[in-house]
PDB file of N, CA and C in Angstrom:
ATOM      1  N   UNK A   1      72.916  97.496 102.658  1.00  0.00           N
ATOM      2  CA  UNK A   1      74.670  96.826 102.693  1.00  0.00           C
ATOM      3  C   UNK A   1      75.236  97.261 101.691  1.00  0.00           C
ATOM      4  N   UNK A   2      76.526  97.899 101.697  1.00  0.00           N
ATOM      5  CA  UNK A   2      77.247  97.722 100.508  1.00  0.00           C
ATOM      6  C   UNK A   2      78.262  96.216 100.202  1.00  0.00           C
ATOM      7  N   UNK A   3      78.434  95.727  99.296  1.00  0.00           N
ATOM      8  CA  UNK A   3      79.360  94.587  98.980  1.00  0.00           C
ATOM      9  C   UNK A   3      80.718  94.889  99.643  1.00  0.00           C
ATOM     10  N   UNK A   4      80.915  93.720  99.985  1.00  0.00           N
ATOM     11  CA  UNK A   4      82.315  93.865 100.754  1.00  0.00           C
ATOM     12  C   UNK A   4      83.421  93.216  99.860  1.00  0.00           C
ATOM     13  N   UNK A   5      84.399  93.734 100.100  1.00  0.00           N
ATOM     14  CA  UNK A   5      85.364  93.210  98.965  1.00  0.00           C
ATOM     15  C   UNK A   5      86.744  92.647  99.834  1.00  0.00           C
ATOM     16  N   UNK A   6      87.163  91.747  99.567  1.00  0.00           N
ATOM     17  CA  UNK A   6      88.422  91.056 100.481  1.00  0.00           C
ATOM     18  C   UNK A   6      89.306  91.266  99.460  1.00  0.00           C
ATOM     19  N   UNK A   7      90.539  92.386  99.620  1.00  0.00           N
ATOM     20  CA  UNK A   7      91.300  92.386  98.626  1.00  0.00           C
ATOM     21  C   UNK A   7      92.936  91.624  99.405  1.00  0.00           C
ATOM     22  N   UNK A   8      93.385  90.928  98.387  1.00  0.00           N
ATOM     23  CA  UNK A   8      94.864  89.988  98.668  1.00  0.00           C
ATOM     24  C   UNK A   8      95.625  91.069  97.418  1.00  0.00           C
ATOM     25  N   UNK A   9      96.859  91.571  97.751  1.00  0.00           N
ATOM     26  CA  UNK A   9      98.015  92.593  97.179  1.00  0.00           C
ATOM     27  C   UNK A   9      98.884  91.264  96.664  1.00  0.00           C
ATOM     28  N   UNK A  10      99.063  91.933  95.540  1.00  0.00           N
ATOM     29  CA  UNK A  10     100.407  91.732  95.270  1.00  0.00           C
ATOM     30  C   UNK A  10     101.784  92.119  95.674  1.00  0.00           C
ATOM     31  N   UNK A  11     102.785  91.860  96.109  1.00  0.00           N
ATOM     32  CA  UNK A  11     104.076  92.358  96.702  1.00  0.00           C
ATOM     33  C   UNK A  11     103.549  92.797  98.407  1.00  0.00           C
ATOM     34  N   UNK A  12     102.719  92.155  99.060  1.00  0.00           N
ATOM     35  CA  UNK A  12     102.625  92.403 100.313  1.00  0.00           C
ATOM     36  C   UNK A  12     102.936  90.804 101.252  1.00  0.00           C
ATOM     37  N   UNK A  13     103.252  90.956 101.907  1.00  0.00           N
ATOM     38  CA  UNK A  13     103.967  89.362 102.705  1.00  0.00           C
ATOM     39  C   UNK A  13     102.427  88.686 102.701  1.00  0.00           C
ATOM     40  N   UNK A  14     102.784  86.911 102.541  1.00  0.00           N
ATOM     41  CA  UNK A  14     101.464  86.236 102.554  1.00  0.00           C
ATOM     42  C   UNK A  14     100.885  85.919 103.905  1.00  0.00           C
ATOM     43  N   UNK A  15     100.014  86.178 104.122  1.00  0.00           N
ATOM     44  CA  UNK A  15      99.564  86.031 105.102  1.00  0.00           C
ATOM     45  C   UNK A  15      99.577  84.400 105.773  1.00  0.00           C
ATOM     46  N   UNK A  16      99.500  84.854 107.185  1.00  0.00           N
ATOM     47  CA  UNK A  16     100.401  83.363 107.879  1.00  0.00           C
ATOM     48  C   UNK A  16      99.212  82.763 108.738  1.00  0.00           C
ATOM     49  N   UNK A  17      97.604  83.426 107.992  1.00  0.00           N
ATOM     50  CA  UNK A  17      96.467  82.505 108.613  1.00  0.00           C
ATOM     51  C   UNK A  17      95.691  82.658 107.645  1.00  0.00           C
ATOM     52  N   UNK A  18      94.559  83.119 108.175  1.00  0.00           N
ATOM     53  CA  UNK A  18      93.021  83.133 107.323  1.00  0.00           C
ATOM     54  C   UNK A  18      92.456  84.477 107.074  1.00  0.00           C
ATOM     55  N   UNK A  19      93.179  85.209 106.463  1.00  0.00           N
ATOM     56  CA  UNK A  19      92.820  86.418 106.318  1.00  0.00           C
ATOM     57  C   UNK A  19      93.291  87.627 105.067  1.00  0.00           C
ATOM     58  N   UNK A  20      92.745  88.465 104.392  1.00  0.00           N
ATOM     59  CA  UNK A  20      93.271  89.059 103.568  1.00  0.00           C
ATOM     60  C   UNK A  20      93.640  90.751 103.998  1.00  0.00           C
ATOM     61  N   UNK A  21      94.531  91.137 103.031  1.00  0.00           N
ATOM     62  CA  UNK A  21      94.777  92.359 103.367  1.00  0.00           C
ATOM     63  C   UNK A  21      94.160  93.240 103.786  1.00  0.00           C
ATOM     64  N   UNK A  22      93.168  93.959 103.214  1.00  0.00           N
ATOM     65  CA  UNK A  22      92.402  94.876 103.267  1.00  0.00           C
ATOM     66  C   UNK A  22      90.714  94.170 103.159  1.00  0.00           C
ATOM     67  N   UNK A  23      89.675  94.869 103.550  1.00  0.00           N
ATOM     68  CA  UNK A  23      88.676  94.808 103.456  1.00  0.00           C
ATOM     69  C   UNK A  23      87.849  96.421 102.824  1.00  0.00           C
ATOM     70  N   UNK A  24      87.298  96.174 102.060  1.00  0.00           N
ATOM     71  CA  UNK A  24      86.383  97.525 101.732  1.00  0.00           C
ATOM     72  C   UNK A  24      85.500  97.260 101.930  1.00  0.00           C
ATOM     73  N   UNK A  25      83.765  98.395 101.992  1.00  0.00           N
ATOM     74  CA  UNK A  25      82.651  98.029 102.232  1.00  0.00           C
ATOM     75  C   UNK A  25      81.855  99.585 102.328  1.00  0.00           C
ATOM     76  N   UNK A  26      81.528 100.096 100.786  1.00  0.00           N
ATOM     77  CA  UNK A  26      81.325 101.249 100.452  1.00  0.00           C
ATOM     78  C   UNK A  26      82.505 101.853 100.584  1.00  0.00           C
ATOM     79  N   UNK A  27      82.616 103.347 101.507  1.00  0.00           N
ATOM     80  CA  UNK A  27      83.357 104.037 101.694  1.00  0.00           C
ATOM     81  C   UNK A  27      84.599 103.875 103.133  1.00  0.00           C
ATOM     82  N   UNK A  28      84.265 102.666 103.229  1.00  0.00           N
ATOM     83  CA  UNK A  28      84.929 101.961 104.429  1.00  0.00           C
ATOM     84  C   UNK A  28      85.837 101.067 104.217  1.00  0.00           C
ATOM     85  N   UNK A  29      87.080 101.191 104.965  1.00  0.00           N
ATOM     86  CA  UNK A  29      88.487 100.013 104.898  1.00  0.00           C
ATOM     87  C   UNK A  29      88.944 100.018 105.770  1.00  0.00           C
ATOM     88  N   UNK A  30      89.655  98.542 106.301  1.00  0.00           N
ATOM     89  CA  UNK A  30      90.008  98.317 106.813  1.00  0.00           C
ATOM     90  C   UNK A  30      91.552  97.255 106.917  1.00  0.00           C
ATOM     91  N   UNK A  31      92.533  97.537 107.297  1.00  0.00           N
ATOM     92  CA  UNK A  31      93.585  96.945 106.758  1.00  0.00           C
ATOM     93  C   UNK A  31      94.502  96.385 107.645  1.00  0.00           C
ATOM     94  N   UNK A  32      94.398  94.881 107.609  1.00  0.00           N
ATOM     95  CA  UNK A  32      94.949  93.779 108.637  1.00  0.00           C
ATOM     96  C   UNK A  32      96.219  94.343 109.199  1.00  0.00           C
ATOM     97  N   UNK A  33      96.644  93.598 110.330  1.00  0.00           N
ATOM     98  CA  UNK A  33      98.303  94.481 110.569  1.00  0.00           C
ATOM     99  C   UNK A  33      99.569  93.928 109.491  1.00  0.00           C
ATOM    100  N   UNK A  34      99.395  95.236 109.453  1.00  0.00           N
ATOM    101  CA  UNK A  34     100.917  95.577 108.524  1.00  0.00           C
ATOM    102  C   UNK A  34     102.034  95.158 109.513  1.00  0.00           C
ATOM    103  N   UNK A  35     103.152  94.070 108.650  1.00  0.00           N
ATOM    104  CA  UNK A  35     104.446  94.017 109.525  1.00  0.00           C
ATOM    105  C   UNK A  35     106.053  94.665 108.857  1.00  0.00           C
ATOM    106  N   UNK A  36     106.836  94.286 109.409  1.00  0.00           N
ATOM    107  CA  UNK A  36     108.058  94.981 108.608  1.00  0.00           C
ATOM    108  C   UNK A  36     109.096  93.596 108.298  1.00  0.00           C
ATOM    109  N   UNK A  37     108.067  92.866 107.398  1.00  0.00           N
ATOM    110  CA  UNK A  37     108.905  91.938 106.240  1.00  0.00           C
ATOM    111  C   UNK A  37     108.779  92.769 105.100  1.00  0.00           C
ATOM    112  N   UNK A  38     110.216  92.490 104.547  1.00  0.00           N
ATOM    113  CA  UNK A  38     111.060  92.905 103.612  1.00  0.00           C
ATOM    114  C   UNK A  38     110.098  92.458 102.608  1.00  0.00           C
ATOM    115  N   UNK A  39     109.935  92.565 101.202  1.00  0.00           N
ATOM    116  CA  UNK A  39     109.330  92.258  99.738  1.00  0.00           C
ATOM    117  C   UNK A  39     109.907  90.648  99.917  1.00  0.00           C
ATOM    118  N   UNK A  40     111.311  90.486  99.868  1.00  0.00           N
ATOM    119  CA  UNK A  40     112.249  89.479  99.751  1.00  0.00           C
ATOM    120  C   UNK A  40     111.738  88.148 100.992  1.00  0.00           C
ATOM    121  N   UNK A  41     110.973  88.471 102.115  1.00  0.00           N
ATOM    122  CA  UNK A  41     111.169  87.802 102.619  1.00  0.00           C
ATOM    123  C   UNK A  41     111.802  87.988 104.408  1.00  0.00           C
ATOM    124  N   UNK A  42     112.513  88.913 104.203  1.00  0.00           N
ATOM    125  CA  UNK A  42     113.652  89.060 105.579  1.00  0.00           C
ATOM    126  C   UNK A  42     112.512  90.121 106.255  1.00  0.00           C
ATOM    127  N   UNK A  43     113.591  89.998 107.640  1.00  0.00           N
ATOM    128  CA  UNK A  43     113.147  90.913 108.933  1.00  0.00           C
ATOM    129  C   UNK A  43     113.937  91.605 109.433  1.00  0.00           C
ATOM    130  N   UNK A  44     114.357  92.863 109.412  1.00  0.00           N
ATOM    131  CA  UNK A  44     115.289  93.417 110.107  1.00  0.00           C
ATOM    132  C   UNK A  44     115.430  93.422 111.135  1.00  0.00           C
ATOM    133  N   UNK A  45     116.500  93.661 111.941  1.00  0.00           N
ATOM    134  CA  UNK A  45     116.303  93.823 113.080  1.00  0.00           C
ATOM    135  C   UNK A  45     116.087  94.569 114.106  1.00  0.00           C
ATOM    136  N   UNK A  46     115.999  95.556 113.381  1.00  0.00           N
ATOM    137  CA  UNK A  46     115.533  97.106 114.251  1.00  0.00           C
ATOM    138  C   UNK A  46     114.109  97.510 114.180  1.00  0.00           C
ATOM    139  N   UNK A  47     113.900  97.807 114.951  1.00  0.00           N
ATOM    140  CA  UNK A  47     112.581  98.332 115.172  1.00  0.00           C
ATOM    141  C   UNK A  47     111.916  99.302 114.176  1.00  0.00           C
ATOM    142  N   UNK A  48     113.146 100.221 114.247  1.00  0.00           N
ATOM    143  CA  UNK A  48     112.536 101.702 113.179  1.00  0.00           C
ATOM    144  C   UNK A  48     113.021 100.832 111.914  1.00  0.00           C
ATOM    145  N   UNK A  49     113.610 100.119 111.322  1.00  0.00           N
ATOM    146  CA  UNK A  49     113.144  99.181 109.930  1.00  0.00           C
ATOM    147  C   UNK A  49     112.051  98.840 109.669  1.00  0.00           C
ATOM    148  N   UNK A  50     112.146  97.927 110.857  1.00  0.00           N
ATOM    149  CA  UNK A  50     110.730  97.397 110.729  1.00  0.00           C
ATOM    150  C   UNK A  50     109.157  97.912 110.496  1.00  0.00           C
ATOM    151  N   UNK A  51     109.435  99.249 111.306  1.00  0.00           N
ATOM    152  CA  UNK A  51     108.208 100.028 111.535  1.00  0.00           C
ATOM    153  C   UNK A  51     108.372 100.756 110.082  1.00  0.00           C
ATOM    154  N   UNK A  52     109.323 101.529 109.345  1.00  0.00           N
ATOM    155  CA  UNK A  52     109.312 101.849 108.305  1.00  0.00           C
ATOM    156  C   UNK A  52     108.306 100.896 106.997  1.00  0.00           C
ATOM    157  N   UNK A  53     108.972  99.739 106.925  1.00  0.00           N
ATOM    158  CA  UNK A  53     108.590  98.469 106.175  1.00  0.00           C
ATOM    159  C   UNK A  53     106.943  98.503 106.455  1.00  0.00           C
ATOM    160  N   UNK A  54     107.002  98.751 107.404  1.00  0.00           N
ATOM    161  CA  UNK A  54     105.325  98.464 107.814  1.00  0.00           C
ATOM    162  C   UNK A  54     104.220  99.693 107.158  1.00  0.00           C
ATOM    163  N   UNK A  55     104.830 100.512 107.398  1.00  0.00           N
ATOM    164  CA  UNK A  55     103.858 101.693 106.852  1.00  0.00           C
ATOM    165  C   UNK A  55     104.162 102.114 105.825  1.00  0.00           C
ATOM    166  N   UNK A  56     105.084 101.683 104.708  1.00  0.00           N
ATOM    167  CA  UNK A  56     105.135 101.441 103.561  1.00  0.00           C
ATOM    168  C   UNK A  56     104.069 100.793 103.408  1.00  0.00           C
ATOM    169  N   UNK A  57     104.033  99.097 103.871  1.00  0.00           N
ATOM    170  CA  UNK A  57     103.111  98.277 103.588  1.00  0.00           C
ATOM    171  C   UNK A  57     101.764  98.804 104.026  1.00  0.00           C
ATOM    172  N   UNK A  58     101.492  99.240 104.639  1.00  0.00           N
ATOM    173  CA  UNK A  58     100.137 100.088 105.064  1.00  0.00           C
ATOM    174  C   UNK A  58      99.940 101.002 103.815  1.00  0.00           C
ATOM    175  N   UNK A  59     100.738 101.684 103.721  1.00  0.00           N
ATOM    176  CA  UNK A  59     100.418 102.582 102.229  1.00  0.00           C
ATOM    177  C   UNK A  59      99.894 102.122 101.536  1.00  0.00           C
ATOM    178  N   UNK A  60     100.689 101.068 100.800  1.00  0.00           N
ATOM    179  CA  UNK A  60     100.828 100.340  99.766  1.00  0.00           C
ATOM    180  C   UNK A  60      99.006  99.559  99.860  1.00  0.00           C
ATOM    181  N   UNK A  61      98.661  99.538 101.055  1.00  0.00           N
ATOM    182  CA  UNK A  61      97.273  98.941 101.023  1.00  0.00           C
ATOM    183  C   UNK A  61      96.359  99.891 100.870  1.00  0.00           C
ATOM    184  N   UNK A  62      96.550 101.238 101.578  1.00  0.00           N
ATOM    185  CA  UNK A  62      95.943 102.460 101.099  1.00  0.00           C
ATOM    186  C   UNK A  62      95.507 102.645  99.978  1.00  0.00           C
ATOM    187  N   UNK A  63      96.374 102.891  99.216  1.00  0.00           N
ATOM    188  CA  UNK A  63      96.645 103.089  97.907  1.00  0.00           C
ATOM    189  C   UNK A  63      95.891 102.499  96.942  1.00  0.00           C
ATOM    190  N   UNK A  64      95.961 100.936  97.126  1.00  0.00           N
ATOM    191  CA  UNK A  64      94.882  99.641  96.200  1.00  0.00           C
ATOM    192  C   UNK A  64      93.768 100.303  96.452  1.00  0.00           C
ATOM    193  N   UNK A  65      93.157 101.236  97.052  1.00  0.00           N
ATOM    194  CA  UNK A  65      92.070 101.657  97.101  1.00  0.00           C
ATOM    195  C   UNK A  65      91.495 103.249  97.450  1.00  0.00           C
ATOM    196  N   UNK A  66      92.263 104.015  96.674  1.00  0.00           N
ATOM    197  CA  UNK A  66      92.289 105.183  96.694  1.00  0.00           C
ATOM    198  C   UNK A  66      92.301 106.014  97.795  1.00  0.00           C
ATOM    199  N   UNK A  67      93.067 105.491  98.933  1.00  0.00           N
ATOM    200  CA  UNK A  67      93.028 106.350 100.335  1.00  0.00           C
ATOM    201  C   UNK A  67      94.610 106.528 100.321  1.00  0.00           C
ATOM    202  N   UNK A  68      94.869 107.654 101.406  1.00  0.00           N
ATOM    203  CA  UNK A  68      96.232 108.047 101.865  1.00  0.00           C
ATOM    204  C   UNK A  68      96.077 107.805 103.112  1.00  0.00           C
ATOM    205  N   UNK A  69      96.851 108.580 103.632  1.00  0.00           N
ATOM    206  CA  UNK A  69      97.004 108.948 105.184  1.00  0.00           C
ATOM    207  C   UNK A  69      96.263 109.278 105.704  1.00  0.00           C
ATOM    208  N   UNK A  70      95.637 110.725 104.941  1.00  0.00           N
ATOM    209  CA  UNK A  70      94.658 111.400 105.081  1.00  0.00           C
ATOM    210  C   UNK A  70      93.442 111.146 105.418  1.00  0.00           C
ATOM    211  N   UNK A  71      92.854 109.747 104.742  1.00  0.00           N
ATOM    212  CA  UNK A  71      91.723 109.391 105.424  1.00  0.00           C
ATOM    213  C   UNK A  71      91.795 108.131 106.467  1.00  0.00           C
ATOM    214  N   UNK A  72      92.912 107.914 107.331  1.00  0.00           N
ATOM    215  CA  UNK A  72      93.013 107.003 108.408  1.00  0.00           C
ATOM    216  C   UNK A  72      91.988 107.823 109.438  1.00  0.00           C
ATOM    217  N   UNK A  73      91.124 107.501 110.081  1.00  0.00           N
ATOM    218  CA  UNK A  73      90.667 107.454 110.875  1.00  0.00           C
ATOM    219  C   UNK A  73      91.307 107.004 112.394  1.00  0.00           C
ATOM    220  N   UNK A  74      91.646 105.530 112.335  1.00  0.00           N
ATOM    221  CA  UNK A  74      91.631 104.937 113.982  1.00  0.00           C
ATOM    222  C   UNK A  74      93.130 103.912 113.088  1.00  0.00           C
ATOM    223  N   UNK A  75      94.083 103.939 114.255  1.00  0.00           N
ATOM    224  CA  UNK A  75      95.500 103.217 113.687  1.00  0.00           C
ATOM    225  C   UNK A  75      95.598 102.441 115.133  1.00  0.00           C
ATOM    226  N   UNK A  76      95.749 100.986 115.193  1.00  0.00           N
ATOM    227  CA  UNK A  76      96.611 100.521 116.518  1.00  0.00           C
ATOM    228  C   UNK A  76      97.716  99.966 116.120  1.00  0.00           C
ATOM    229  N   UNK A  77      98.756 100.241 116.729  1.00  0.00           N
ATOM    230  CA  UNK A  77     100.496  99.923 116.590  1.00  0.00           C
ATOM    231  C   UNK A  77     100.416  99.023 118.021  1.00  0.00           C
ATOM    232  N   UNK A  78     101.121  97.985 117.730  1.00  0.00           N
ATOM    233  CA  UNK A  78     101.275  96.628 118.529  1.00  0.00           C
ATOM    234  C   UNK A  78     102.764  96.589 118.466  1.00  0.00           C
ATOM    235  N   UNK A  79     103.516  97.177 119.623  1.00  0.00           N
ATOM    236  CA  UNK A  79     105.006  96.663 120.239  1.00  0.00           C
ATOM    237  C   UNK A  79     105.563  96.026 120.975  1.00  0.00           C
ATOM    238  N   UNK A  80     106.493  94.876 120.940  1.00  0.00           N
ATOM    239  CA  UNK A  80     107.124  94.040 121.484  1.00  0.00           C
ATOM    240  C   UNK A  80     107.986  94.583 123.107  1.00  0.00           C
ATOM    241  N   UNK A  81     107.943  95.966 122.700  1.00  0.00           N
ATOM    242  CA  UNK A  81     108.597  96.736 123.510  1.00  0.00           C
ATOM    243  C   UNK A  81     108.246  98.323 123.567  1.00  0.00           C
ATOM    244  N   UNK A  82     107.065  98.791 124.557  1.00  0.00           N
ATOM    245  CA  UNK A  82     106.648  99.731 123.942  1.00  0.00           C
ATOM    246  C   UNK A  82     107.645 101.344 124.179  1.00  0.00           C
ATOM    247  N   UNK A  83     108.581 101.279 125.405  1.00  0.00           N
ATOM    248  CA  UNK A  83     109.594 101.765 125.057  1.00  0.00           C
ATOM    249  C   UNK A  83     110.231 102.344 123.927  1.00  0.00           C
ATOM    250  N   UNK A  84     109.996 101.620 122.862  1.00  0.00           N
ATOM    251  CA  UNK A  84     110.381 101.665 121.623  1.00  0.00           C
ATOM    252  C   UNK A  84     109.597 102.816 120.577  1.00  0.00           C
ATOM    253  N   UNK A  85     108.435 102.916 121.382  1.00  0.00           N
ATOM    254  CA  UNK A  85     107.369 104.164 120.735  1.00  0.00           C
ATOM    255  C   UNK A  85     108.468 105.243 120.366  1.00  0.00           C
ATOM    256  N   UNK A  86     109.078 105.730 121.234  1.00  0.00           N
ATOM    257  CA  UNK A  86     109.978 107.033 120.835  1.00  0.00           C
ATOM    258  C   UNK A  86     110.664 107.317 119.964  1.00  0.00           C
ATOM    259  N   UNK A  87     111.445 105.838 119.166  1.00  0.00           N
ATOM    260  CA  UNK A  87     112.367 105.497 118.193  1.00  0.00           C
ATOM    261  C   UNK A  87     111.088 105.534 116.660  1.00  0.00           C
ATOM    262  N   UNK A  88     109.827 105.471 117.237  1.00  0.00           N
ATOM    263  CA  UNK A  88     109.075 104.788 115.590  1.00  0.00           C
ATOM    264  C   UNK A  88     108.312 106.243 115.437  1.00  0.00           C
ATOM    265  N   UNK A  89     107.534 107.139 116.616  1.00  0.00           N
ATOM    266  CA  UNK A  89     107.454 107.785 116.854  1.00  0.00           C
ATOM    267  C   UNK A  89     107.732 109.217 115.282  1.00  0.00           C
ATOM    268  N   UNK A  90     108.825 109.411 115.556  1.00  0.00           N
ATOM    269  CA  UNK A  90     109.174 110.319 114.101  1.00  0.00           C
ATOM    270  C   UNK A  90     108.650 109.876 112.822  1.00  0.00           C
ATOM    271  N   UNK A  91     108.632 108.354 112.144  1.00  0.00           N
ATOM    272  CA  UNK A  91     108.544 107.923 111.058  1.00  0.00           C
ATOM    273  C   UNK A  91     107.154 107.915 111.058  1.00  0.00           C
ATOM    274  N   UNK A  92     106.377 108.081 112.341  1.00  0.00           N
ATOM    275  CA  UNK A  92     104.425 107.799 112.439  1.00  0.00           C
ATOM    276  C   UNK A  92     104.209 109.300 111.851  1.00  0.00           C
ATOM    277  N   UNK A  93     104.806 110.098 112.829  1.00  0.00           N
ATOM    278  CA  UNK A  93     104.704 112.008 112.508  1.00  0.00           C
ATOM    279  C   UNK A  93     104.701 112.066 111.237  1.00  0.00           C
ATOM    280  N   UNK A  94     105.513 111.381 110.522  1.00  0.00           N
ATOM    281  CA  UNK A  94     106.615 111.748 108.917  1.00  0.00           C
ATOM    282  C   UNK A  94     105.343 111.748 107.999  1.00  0.00           C
ATOM    283  N   UNK A  95     104.832 110.195 108.347  1.00  0.00           N
ATOM    284  CA  UNK A  95     103.824 109.511 107.529  1.00  0.00           C
ATOM    285  C   UNK A  95     102.140 110.103 107.836  1.00  0.00           C
ATOM    286  N   UNK A  96     102.092 110.507 108.735  1.00  0.00           N
ATOM    287  CA  UNK A  96     100.341 111.149 109.219  1.00  0.00           C
ATOM    288  C   UNK A  96     100.282 112.572 108.806  1.00  0.00           C
ATOM    289  N   UNK A  97     101.980 113.394 109.140  1.00  0.00           N
ATOM    290  CA  UNK A  97     101.716 114.732 108.904  1.00  0.00           C
ATOM    291  C   UNK A  97     100.298 115.547 109.836  1.00  0.00           C
ATOM    292  N   UNK A  98     100.091 116.074 109.162  1.00  0.00           N
ATOM    293  CA  UNK A  98      98.853 116.991 110.133  1.00  0.00           C
ATOM    294  C   UNK A  98      97.653 116.154 110.199  1.00  0.00           C
ATOM    295  N   UNK A  99      97.574 115.260 109.449  1.00  0.00           N
ATOM    296  CA  UNK A  99      96.164 114.050 109.886  1.00  0.00           C
ATOM    297  C   UNK A  99      96.593 113.233 111.240  1.00  0.00           C
ATOM    298  N   UNK A 100      95.817 113.446 111.901  1.00  0.00           N
ATOM    299  CA  UNK A 100      96.409 112.632 113.139  1.00  0.00           C
ATOM    300  C   UNK A 100      94.990 111.710 113.245  1.00  0.00           C
ATOM    301  N   UNK A 101      94.740 110.607 113.221  1.00  0.00           N
ATOM    302  CA  UNK A 101      93.844 109.574 113.726  1.00  0.00           C
ATOM    303  C   UNK A 101      93.438 109.380 115.024  1.00  0.00           C
ATOM    304  N   UNK A 102      92.764 108.644 115.580  1.00  0.00           N
ATOM    305  CA  UNK A 102      92.313 108.056 116.763  1.00  0.00           C
ATOM    306  C   UNK A 102      93.724 107.019 116.419  1.00  0.00           C
ATOM    307  N   UNK A 103      94.394 107.043 118.064  1.00  0.00           N
ATOM    308  CA  UNK A 103      95.424 105.803 117.714  1.00  0.00           C
ATOM    309  C   UNK A 103      95.225 104.940 119.246  1.00  0.00           C
ATOM    310  N   UNK A 104      95.911 103.690 119.139  1.00  0.00           N
ATOM    311  CA  UNK A 104      95.888 102.908 120.332  1.00  0.00           C
ATOM    312  C   UNK A 104      96.896 102.528 120.158  1.00  0.00           C
ATOM    313  N   UNK A 105      98.314 102.532 121.313  1.00  0.00           N
ATOM    314  CA  UNK A 105      99.710 101.555 121.343  1.00  0.00           C
ATOM    315  C   UNK A 105      99.704 100.646 122.306  1.00  0.00           C
ATOM    316  N   UNK A 106      99.626  99.461 122.056  1.00  0.00           N
ATOM    317  CA  UNK A 106      99.562  98.298 122.872  1.00  0.00           C
ATOM    318  C   UNK A 106     100.844  97.645 122.762  1.00  0.00           C
ATOM    319  N   UNK A 107     101.710  97.613 124.167  1.00  0.00           N
ATOM    320  CA  UNK A 107     102.571  96.446 124.026  1.00  0.00           C
ATOM    321  C   UNK A 107     101.960  95.421 124.386  1.00  0.00           C
ATOM    322  N   UNK A 108     102.868  93.965 123.399  1.00  0.00           N
ATOM    323  CA  UNK A 108     102.419  92.972 123.260  1.00  0.00           C
ATOM    324  C   UNK A 108     103.639  91.588 123.724  1.00  0.00           C
ATOM    325  N   UNK A 109     103.224  90.409 124.125  1.00  0.00           N
ATOM    326  CA  UNK A 109     104.414  89.621 124.805  1.00  0.00           C
ATOM    327  C   UNK A 109     105.092  88.791 123.084  1.00  0.00           C
ATOM    328  N   UNK A 110     104.245  88.568 122.223  1.00  0.00           N
ATOM    329  CA  UNK A 110     104.732  88.535 120.827  1.00  0.00           C
ATOM    330  C   UNK A 110     103.897  88.840 119.944  1.00  0.00           C
ATOM    331  N   UNK A 111     104.704  88.944 118.439  1.00  0.00           N
ATOM    332  CA  UNK A 111     104.294  89.277 117.169  1.00  0.00           C
ATOM    333  C   UNK A 111     103.890  87.476 116.626  1.00  0.00           C
ATOM    334  N   UNK A 112     103.112  87.302 115.343  1.00  0.00           N
ATOM    335  CA  UNK A 112     103.144  85.910 114.757  1.00  0.00           C
ATOM    336  C   UNK A 112     103.964  85.456 114.535  1.00  0.00           C
ATOM    337  N   UNK A 113     105.604  86.354 114.288  1.00  0.00           N
ATOM    338  CA  UNK A 113     106.487  85.842 113.604  1.00  0.00           C
ATOM    339  C   UNK A 113     107.474  86.134 115.018  1.00  0.00           C
ATOM    340  N   UNK A 114     108.941  85.725 115.378  1.00  0.00           N
ATOM    341  CA  UNK A 114     109.618  85.636 116.539  1.00  0.00           C
ATOM    342  C   UNK A 114     110.394  87.002 116.071  1.00  0.00           C
ATOM    343  N   UNK A 115     110.424  87.363 114.863  1.00  0.00           N
ATOM    344  CA  UNK A 115     111.234  88.172 114.746  1.00  0.00           C
ATOM    345  C   UNK A 115     110.674  89.492 114.310  1.00  0.00           C
ATOM    346  N   UNK A 116     109.740  90.003 114.852  1.00  0.00           N
ATOM    347  CA  UNK A 116     108.859  90.725 114.621  1.00  0.00           C
ATOM    348  C   UNK A 116     108.768  92.066 115.710  1.00  0.00           C
ATOM    349  N   UNK A 117     108.924  92.957 115.646  1.00  0.00           N
ATOM    350  CA  UNK A 117     108.768  93.926 116.871  1.00  0.00           C
ATOM    351  C   UNK A 117     107.511  94.713 116.863  1.00  0.00           C
ATOM    352  N   UNK A 118     106.971  94.780 115.918  1.00  0.00           N
ATOM    353  CA  UNK A 118     105.682  96.145 115.842  1.00  0.00           C
ATOM    354  C   UNK A 118     105.222  95.523 114.086  1.00  0.00           C
ATOM    355  N   UNK A 119     103.700  95.916 115.015  1.00  0.00           N
ATOM    356  CA  UNK A 119     102.660  95.596 113.483  1.00  0.00           C
ATOM    357  C   UNK A 119     101.497  96.998 113.491  1.00  0.00           C
ATOM    358  N   UNK A 120     100.676  96.991 112.606  1.00  0.00           N
ATOM    359  CA  UNK A 120     100.718  98.312 112.444  1.00  0.00           C
ATOM    360  C   UNK A 120      98.893  98.000 111.679  1.00  0.00           C
ATOM    361  N   UNK A 121      97.350  98.531 112.262  1.00  0.00           N
ATOM    362  CA  UNK A 121      96.715  98.011 111.539  1.00  0.00           C
ATOM    363  C   UNK A 121      95.461  99.302 111.467  1.00  0.00           C
ATOM    364  N   UNK A 122      95.118  99.583 110.745  1.00  0.00           N
ATOM    365  CA  UNK A 122      94.353 100.926 110.708  1.00  0.00           C
ATOM    366  C   UNK A 122      92.609 100.523 110.137  1.00  0.00           C
ATOM    367  N   UNK A 123      91.621 101.530 110.194  1.00  0.00           N
ATOM    368  CA  UNK A 123      90.790 101.979 109.495  1.00  0.00           C
ATOM    369  C   UNK A 123      90.795 103.286 108.930  1.00  0.00           C
ATOM    370  N   UNK A 124      90.187 103.036 107.551  1.00  0.00           N
ATOM    371  CA  UNK A 124      90.370 104.545 106.956  1.00  0.00           C
ATOM    372  C   UNK A 124      88.547 104.704 106.687  1.00  0.00           C
ATOM    373  N   UNK A 125      88.274 105.985 105.886  1.00  0.00           N
ATOM    374  CA  UNK A 125      87.028 106.290 105.208  1.00  0.00           C
ATOM    375  C   UNK A 125      87.574 107.167 103.819  1.00  0.00           C
ATOM    376  N   UNK A 126      86.870 106.863 103.283  1.00  0.00           N
ATOM    377  CA  UNK A 126      86.844 107.387 102.116  1.00  0.00           C
ATOM    378  C   UNK A 126      86.205 108.626 101.625  1.00  0.00           C
ATOM    379  N   UNK A 127      86.635 109.313 100.727  1.00  0.00           N
ATOM    380  CA  UNK A 127      85.657 110.345 100.786  1.00  0.00           C
ATOM    381  C   UNK A 127      84.565 110.531  99.451  1.00  0.00           C
TER     382      UNK A 127
END
């Protein structure tokens, strides 16, 4: 069994519980839920702005282990209002391009911080 690496990254929001930003075992990568918290700790009101930040945070996590959007095999998106899917989908399409991961979208009543409207988690496979 490959060694498990648990990574905390500089510049990412501090975990609000007992977890790390991402975990890697061999060529498998799991990215914890990324949210729309800016580097300064602020949270925009707009779901689109939050999603842009969350995608950027996801990308930073992936790049830290040599991965990118093309390596993501599964993504889960949590929204506090499922109707916001149409607002965030163009950003998602731009980020993943022709690389379409398996996907789940779930509406939730709340996320870890009251101002949050979206959270993304991902699983990737390195070549």
